[in-house]
C-alpha atoms as a PDB file:
ATOM      1  CA  MET A   1       0.000   0.000   0.000  1.00  0.00           C
ATOM      2  CA  SER A   2       1.425   3.322  -0.914  1.00  0.00           C
ATOM      3  CA  PHE A   3      -1.164   5.401   0.925  1.00  0.00           C
ATOM      4  CA  GLY A   4      -1.636   3.379   4.108  1.00  0.00           C
ATOM      5  CA  PRO A   5      -3.063   4.613   7.404  1.00  0.00           C
ATOM      6  CA  LYS A   6      -1.172   7.381   9.145  1.00  0.00           C
ATOM      7  CA  PRO A   7      -1.442   8.216  12.838  1.00  0.00           C
ATOM      8  CA  HIS A   8      -3.605  11.226  13.506  1.00  0.00           C
ATOM      9  CA  SER A   9      -3.749  13.160  16.751  1.00  0.00           C
ATOM     10  CA  PHE A  10      -7.137  14.494  17.784  1.00  0.00           C
ATOM     11  CA  HIS A  11      -5.647  16.542  20.638  1.00  0.00           C
ATOM     12  CA  LYS A  12      -7.241  19.967  21.072  1.00  0.00           C
ATOM     13  CA  ASP A  13      -5.679  22.760  23.129  1.00  0.00           C
ATOM     14  CA  PHE A  14      -7.820  25.172  25.099  1.00  0.00           C
ATOM     15  CA  PRO A  15      -7.126  28.879  24.802  1.00  0.00           C
ATOM     16  CA  LYS A  16      -5.102  30.328  27.695  1.00  0.00           C
ATOM     17  CA  LYS A  17      -7.906  32.683  28.759  1.00  0.00           C
ATOM     18  CA  MET A  18     -10.327  29.759  28.946  1.00  0.00           C
ATOM     19  CA  LYS A  19      -7.947  27.804  31.202  1.00  0.00           C
ATOM     20  CA  ILE A  20      -7.583  30.781  33.542  1.00  0.00           C
ATOM     21  CA  LEU A  21     -11.350  31.307  33.642  1.00  0.00           C
ATOM     22  CA  ALA A  22     -11.910  27.621  34.438  1.00  0.00           C
ATOM     23  CA  LEU A  23      -9.435  27.796  37.353  1.00  0.00           C
ATOM     24  CA  LYS A  24     -11.103  30.954  38.680  1.00  0.00           C
ATOM     25  CA  SER A  25     -14.479  29.247  38.476  1.00  0.00           C
ATOM     26  CA  ALA A  26     -13.188  26.150  40.283  1.00  0.00           C
ATOM     27  CA  LEU A  27     -11.651  28.243  43.074  1.00  0.00           C
ATOM     28  CA  ASN A  28     -14.888  30.227  43.379  1.00  0.00           C
ATOM     29  CA  ALA A  29     -16.868  26.990  43.729  1.00  0.00           C
ATOM     30  CA  LYS A  30     -14.464  25.781  46.438  1.00  0.00           C
ATOM     31  CA  LEU A  31     -14.810  29.117  48.233  1.00  0.00           C
ATOM     32  CA  ASN A  32     -18.620  28.923  48.129  1.00  0.00           C
ATOM     33  CA  ASP A  33     -18.472  25.386  49.569  1.00  0.00           C
ATOM     34  CA  SER A  34     -16.094  26.541  52.361  1.00  0.00           C
ATOM     35  CA  GLU A  35     -13.373  24.168  51.221  1.00  0.00           C
ATOM     36  CA  ILE A  36     -10.606  26.783  51.017  1.00  0.00           C
ATOM     37  CA  SER A  37      -8.411  27.659  53.971  1.00  0.00           C
ATOM     38  CA  ILE A  38      -5.813  30.413  53.981  1.00  0.00           C
ATOM     39  CA  VAL A  39      -2.558  29.675  55.819  1.00  0.00           C
ATOM     40  CA  ASP A  40       0.144  32.186  56.719  1.00  0.00           C
ATOM     41  CA  ALA A  41       3.218  30.144  55.918  1.00  0.00           C
ATOM     42  CA  VAL A  42       3.886  26.530  55.138  1.00  0.00           C
ATOM     43  CA  LYS A  43       7.300  25.717  56.546  1.00  0.00           C
ATOM     44  CA  MET A  44       8.638  22.592  58.189  1.00  0.00           C
ATOM     45  CA  ALA A  45      11.682  22.566  60.460  1.00  0.00           C
ATOM     46  CA  SER A  46      12.337  18.911  59.726  1.00  0.00           C
ATOM     47  CA  CYS A  47      11.481  16.515  56.930  1.00  0.00           C
ATOM     48  CA  LYS A  48       9.818  13.931  59.159  1.00  0.00           C
ATOM     49  CA  THR A  49       6.466  12.514  58.118  1.00  0.00           C
ATOM     50  CA  LYS A  50       5.547  12.068  61.784  1.00  0.00           C
ATOM     51  CA  ASP A  51       5.744  15.836  62.358  1.00  0.00           C
ATOM     52  CA  PHE A  52       3.469  16.606  59.406  1.00  0.00           C
ATOM     53  CA  ALA A  53       1.056  13.862  60.497  1.00  0.00           C
ATOM     54  CA  ALA A  54       0.869  15.535  63.918  1.00  0.00           C
ATOM     55  CA  VAL A  55      -0.020  18.848  62.252  1.00  0.00           C
ATOM     56  CA  MET A  56      -2.722  17.075  60.222  1.00  0.00           C
ATOM     57  CA  ASN A  57      -4.056  15.438  63.375  1.00  0.00           C
ATOM     58  CA  ASN A  58      -4.274  18.830  65.146  1.00  0.00           C
ATOM     59  CA  LEU A  59      -6.224  20.261  62.199  1.00  0.00           C
ATOM     60  CA  LYS A  60      -8.449  17.145  62.075  1.00  0.00           C
ATOM     61  CA  LEU A  61      -7.493  16.375  58.478  1.00  0.00           C
ATOM     62  CA  ILE A  62      -6.787  12.675  58.879  1.00  0.00           C
ATOM     63  CA  GLY A  63      -8.698  10.725  56.226  1.00  0.00           C
ATOM     64  CA  THR A  64      -9.554  13.674  53.991  1.00  0.00           C
ATOM     65  CA  LYS A  65      -8.069  14.408  50.600  1.00  0.00           C
ATOM     66  CA  PHE A  66      -6.545  17.857  50.464  1.00  0.00           C
ATOM     67  CA  LEU A  67      -4.216  19.915  48.328  1.00  0.00           C
ATOM     68  CA  LEU A  68      -1.535  22.104  49.824  1.00  0.00           C
ATOM     69  CA  VAL A  69      -0.648  24.994  47.507  1.00  0.00           C
ATOM     70  CA  VAL A  70       2.754  26.572  48.162  1.00  0.00           C
ATOM     71  CA  ASN A  71       4.578  29.537  46.665  1.00  0.00           C
ATOM     72  CA  GLY A  72       7.890  27.699  46.415  1.00  0.00           C
ATOM     73  CA  LEU A  73       8.391  23.974  46.838  1.00  0.00           C
ATOM     74  CA  ASP A  74      10.452  23.389  49.984  1.00  0.00           C
ATOM     75  CA  SER A  75      12.339  20.100  50.161  1.00  0.00           C
ATOM     76  CA  ASN A  76      11.309  19.518  53.806  1.00  0.00           C
ATOM     77  CA  ILE A  77       7.602  19.783  52.961  1.00  0.00           C
ATOM     78  CA  LYS A  78       8.004  17.577  49.927  1.00  0.00           C
ATOM     79  CA  LEU A  79       9.777  14.877  51.940  1.00  0.00           C
ATOM     80  CA  ALA A  80       7.393  15.125  54.904  1.00  0.00           C
ATOM     81  CA  THR A  81       4.233  14.725  52.825  1.00  0.00           C
ATOM     82  CA  ARG A  82       5.213  12.248  50.139  1.00  0.00           C
ATOM     83  CA  ASN A  83       4.421   9.201  52.266  1.00  0.00           C
ATOM     84  CA  ILE A  84       1.007  10.372  53.486  1.00  0.00           C
ATOM     85  CA  PRO A  85      -1.931   9.151  51.413  1.00  0.00           C
ATOM     86  CA  ARG A  86      -4.420  11.659  49.985  1.00  0.00           C
ATOM     87  CA  VAL A  87      -2.138  14.656  50.486  1.00  0.00           C
ATOM     88  CA  ALA A  88      -0.908  16.521  47.440  1.00  0.00           C
ATOM     89  CA  ILE A  89       1.382  19.514  47.112  1.00  0.00           C
ATOM     90  CA  GLN A  90       1.412  21.875  44.174  1.00  0.00           C
ATOM     91  CA  GLU A  91       3.151  25.143  43.438  1.00  0.00           C
ATOM     92  CA  ALA A  92       0.769  28.063  42.976  1.00  0.00           C
ATOM     93  CA  ASN A  93       1.927  28.844  39.448  1.00  0.00           C
ATOM     94  CA  ASN A  94       1.394  25.212  38.341  1.00  0.00           C
ATOM     95  CA  LEU A  95      -2.086  24.728  39.841  1.00  0.00           C
ATOM     96  CA  THR A  96      -4.587  23.206  37.414  1.00  0.00           C
ATOM     97  CA  THR A  97      -8.359  23.158  37.454  1.00  0.00           C
ATOM     98  CA  TYR A  98      -8.473  19.376  37.834  1.00  0.00           C
ATOM     99  CA  GLU A  99      -6.208  19.444  40.898  1.00  0.00           C
ATOM    100  CA  ALA A 100      -8.297  22.208  42.476  1.00  0.00           C
ATOM    101  CA  LEU A 101     -11.528  20.265  41.984  1.00  0.00           C
ATOM    102  CA  ASN A 102     -10.150  16.825  42.860  1.00  0.00           C
ATOM    103  CA  CYS A 103      -9.746  17.438  46.606  1.00  0.00           C
ATOM    104  CA  ASN A 104     -11.940  17.972  49.642  1.00  0.00           C
ATOM    105  CA  GLY A 105      -9.865  20.807  51.062  1.00  0.00           C
ATOM    106  CA  LEU A 106      -7.582  23.403  49.556  1.00  0.00           C
ATOM    107  CA  PHE A 107      -4.932  25.218  51.577  1.00  0.00           C
ATOM    108  CA  LEU A 108      -3.709  28.412  49.930  1.00  0.00           C
ATOM    109  CA  PRO A 109      -0.854  30.652  51.158  1.00  0.00           C
ATOM    110  CA  ARG A 110      -1.572  34.215  52.201  1.00  0.00           C
ATOM    111  CA  MET A 111      -0.451  36.600  49.483  1.00  0.00           C
ATOM    112  CA  ARG A 112       1.736  39.472  50.565  1.00  0.00           C
END
């Protein structure tokens, strides 16, 4: 066959403004459902999972799926949370609409 089948991609990109509007809408829905909490600073002195689990226990977050949004990814936070199920960390400039909607709680840093 000289004109056989060729792979064809049906991938469609969304416009940038539409992506931003979708994220704003998702964050607004989370705010209306009281699923957004504002935290002052997210810093860990050590990289121990036990310390972060104690913080989660104090906030009564054990068993819930939540997303921790940080301004800059700190290695201590990354190491402390990577072994805890249903906890995700994302940098603020890389936050997607799916990640914002796919959690029960959203912790955002206070903007200065």
